[in-house]
């Protein structure tokens, strides 16, 4: 039976290999610690709504503009078209709300 540390190393390798290439997407989000994220597309449909685990990168699908709510802004990195997006101007009480235009 493998040691717990060996299992963690194997898991990290899998996560890295399967994580999206941030520059390929309109909107990508990476959680530094667990963070609740919700994304709605132009039609109002919710395309992402869940707690994103620490270290996990997710991409948002849907027709822009994308309406985004992040429950722990200080724990989440956001990339729009591959470039870091500053959450400070759109954050109040550690909740970020913003739109990603087409």
Protein backbone atom coordinates (compact mmCIF):
# COMPACT_ATOMS: atom_id res chain seq x y z
CA UNK A 1 0.00 0.00 0.00
CA UNK A 2 1.50 3.41 -0.95
CA UNK A 3 2.32 5.94 1.74
CA UNK A 4 -0.06 8.90 2.04
CA UNK A 5 2.65 11.26 0.73
CA UNK A 6 3.03 9.16 -2.45
CA UNK A 7 -0.73 9.33 -3.06
CA UNK A 8 -0.70 13.12 -2.65
CA UNK A 9 2.17 13.51 -5.12
CA UNK A 10 0.36 11.35 -7.69
CA UNK A 11 -2.86 13.34 -7.19
CA UNK A 12 -1.05 16.66 -7.63
CA UNK A 13 0.49 15.43 -10.89
CA UNK A 14 -2.93 14.45 -12.23
CA UNK A 15 -4.46 17.80 -11.23
CA UNK A 16 -1.68 19.77 -12.92
CA UNK A 17 -1.90 17.74 -16.12
CA UNK A 18 -5.66 18.18 -16.37
CA UNK A 19 -5.88 21.85 -15.39
CA UNK A 20 -6.95 24.15 -18.22
CA UNK A 21 -4.55 26.41 -20.08
CA UNK A 22 -5.72 29.75 -18.71
CA UNK A 23 -4.94 31.80 -21.84
CA UNK A 24 -7.26 29.64 -23.96
CA UNK A 25 -10.43 30.84 -22.20
CA UNK A 26 -12.43 34.05 -21.81
CA UNK A 27 -12.70 33.49 -18.05
CA UNK A 28 -10.65 31.22 -15.80
CA UNK A 29 -10.60 31.17 -12.02
CA UNK A 30 -8.11 29.61 -9.61
CA UNK A 31 -8.88 29.12 -5.93
CA UNK A 32 -6.02 29.61 -3.45
CA UNK A 33 -8.34 28.23 -0.77
CA UNK A 34 -11.92 26.95 -1.08
CA UNK A 35 -14.11 29.62 -2.69
CA UNK A 36 -17.76 29.72 -3.82
CA UNK A 37 -18.11 30.80 -7.44
CA UNK A 38 -21.19 31.47 -9.56
CA UNK A 39 -21.20 32.38 -13.27
CA UNK A 40 -24.25 33.23 -15.38
CA UNK A 41 -24.16 33.71 -19.14
CA UNK A 42 -25.93 36.27 -21.35
CA UNK A 43 -29.18 34.28 -21.24
CA UNK A 44 -29.17 34.26 -17.43
CA UNK A 45 -28.39 30.52 -17.29
CA UNK A 46 -26.08 29.46 -14.47
CA UNK A 47 -23.07 27.80 -16.10
CA UNK A 48 -21.00 27.35 -12.93
CA UNK A 49 -22.10 27.34 -9.32
CA UNK A 50 -20.10 25.48 -6.71
CA UNK A 51 -17.31 25.60 -4.20
CA UNK A 52 -13.99 25.45 -6.00
CA UNK A 53 -11.37 23.57 -3.98
CA UNK A 54 -8.01 25.02 -2.98
CA UNK A 55 -5.57 24.79 -5.89
CA UNK A 56 -8.31 24.02 -8.42
CA UNK A 57 -8.62 25.95 -11.68
CA UNK A 58 -12.01 26.18 -13.42
CA UNK A 59 -13.10 27.82 -16.64
CA UNK A 60 -16.45 29.45 -17.21
CA UNK A 61 -18.45 28.54 -20.27
CA UNK A 62 -21.33 30.40 -21.84
CA UNK A 63 -22.17 33.30 -24.11
CA UNK A 64 -20.83 36.62 -22.77
CA UNK A 65 -21.40 38.88 -21.04
CA UNK A 66 -20.69 36.57 -18.10
CA UNK A 67 -21.97 37.73 -14.73
CA UNK A 68 -19.66 36.52 -11.94
CA UNK A 69 -20.01 36.32 -8.15
CA UNK A 70 -17.07 35.11 -6.05
CA UNK A 71 -17.72 34.34 -2.38
CA UNK A 72 -14.10 34.64 -1.20
CA UNK A 73 -12.43 37.23 -3.38
CA UNK A 74 -9.21 37.16 -1.36
CA UNK A 75 -8.87 33.42 -2.02
CA UNK A 76 -9.51 33.54 -5.77
CA UNK A 77 -7.39 34.52 -8.76
CA UNK A 78 -9.28 35.56 -11.89
CA UNK A 79 -7.97 35.59 -15.45
CA UNK A 80 -9.82 37.28 -18.31
CA UNK A 81 -8.49 36.32 -21.76
CA UNK A 82 -5.40 34.93 -20.03
CA UNK A 83 -4.55 38.14 -18.14
CA UNK A 84 -4.88 38.58 -14.36
CA UNK A 85 -8.03 40.52 -13.40
CA UNK A 86 -7.89 42.78 -10.33
CA UNK A 87 -10.81 42.00 -8.03
CA UNK A 88 -10.16 44.89 -5.61
CA UNK A 89 -12.37 47.47 -7.41
CA UNK A 90 -15.32 45.02 -7.64
CA UNK A 91 -15.07 43.53 -4.13
CA UNK A 92 -17.15 44.47 -1.11
CA UNK A 93 -16.93 42.54 2.18
CA UNK A 94 -14.79 39.93 0.37
CA UNK A 95 -17.50 39.21 -2.24
CA UNK A 96 -16.60 40.14 -5.81
CA UNK A 97 -19.27 40.90 -8.41
CA UNK A 98 -18.39 41.77 -12.00
CA UNK A 99 -19.19 41.17 -15.67
CA UNK A 100 -16.91 39.85 -18.39
CA UNK A 101 -17.89 41.47 -21.67
CA UNK A 102 -17.47 39.76 -25.06
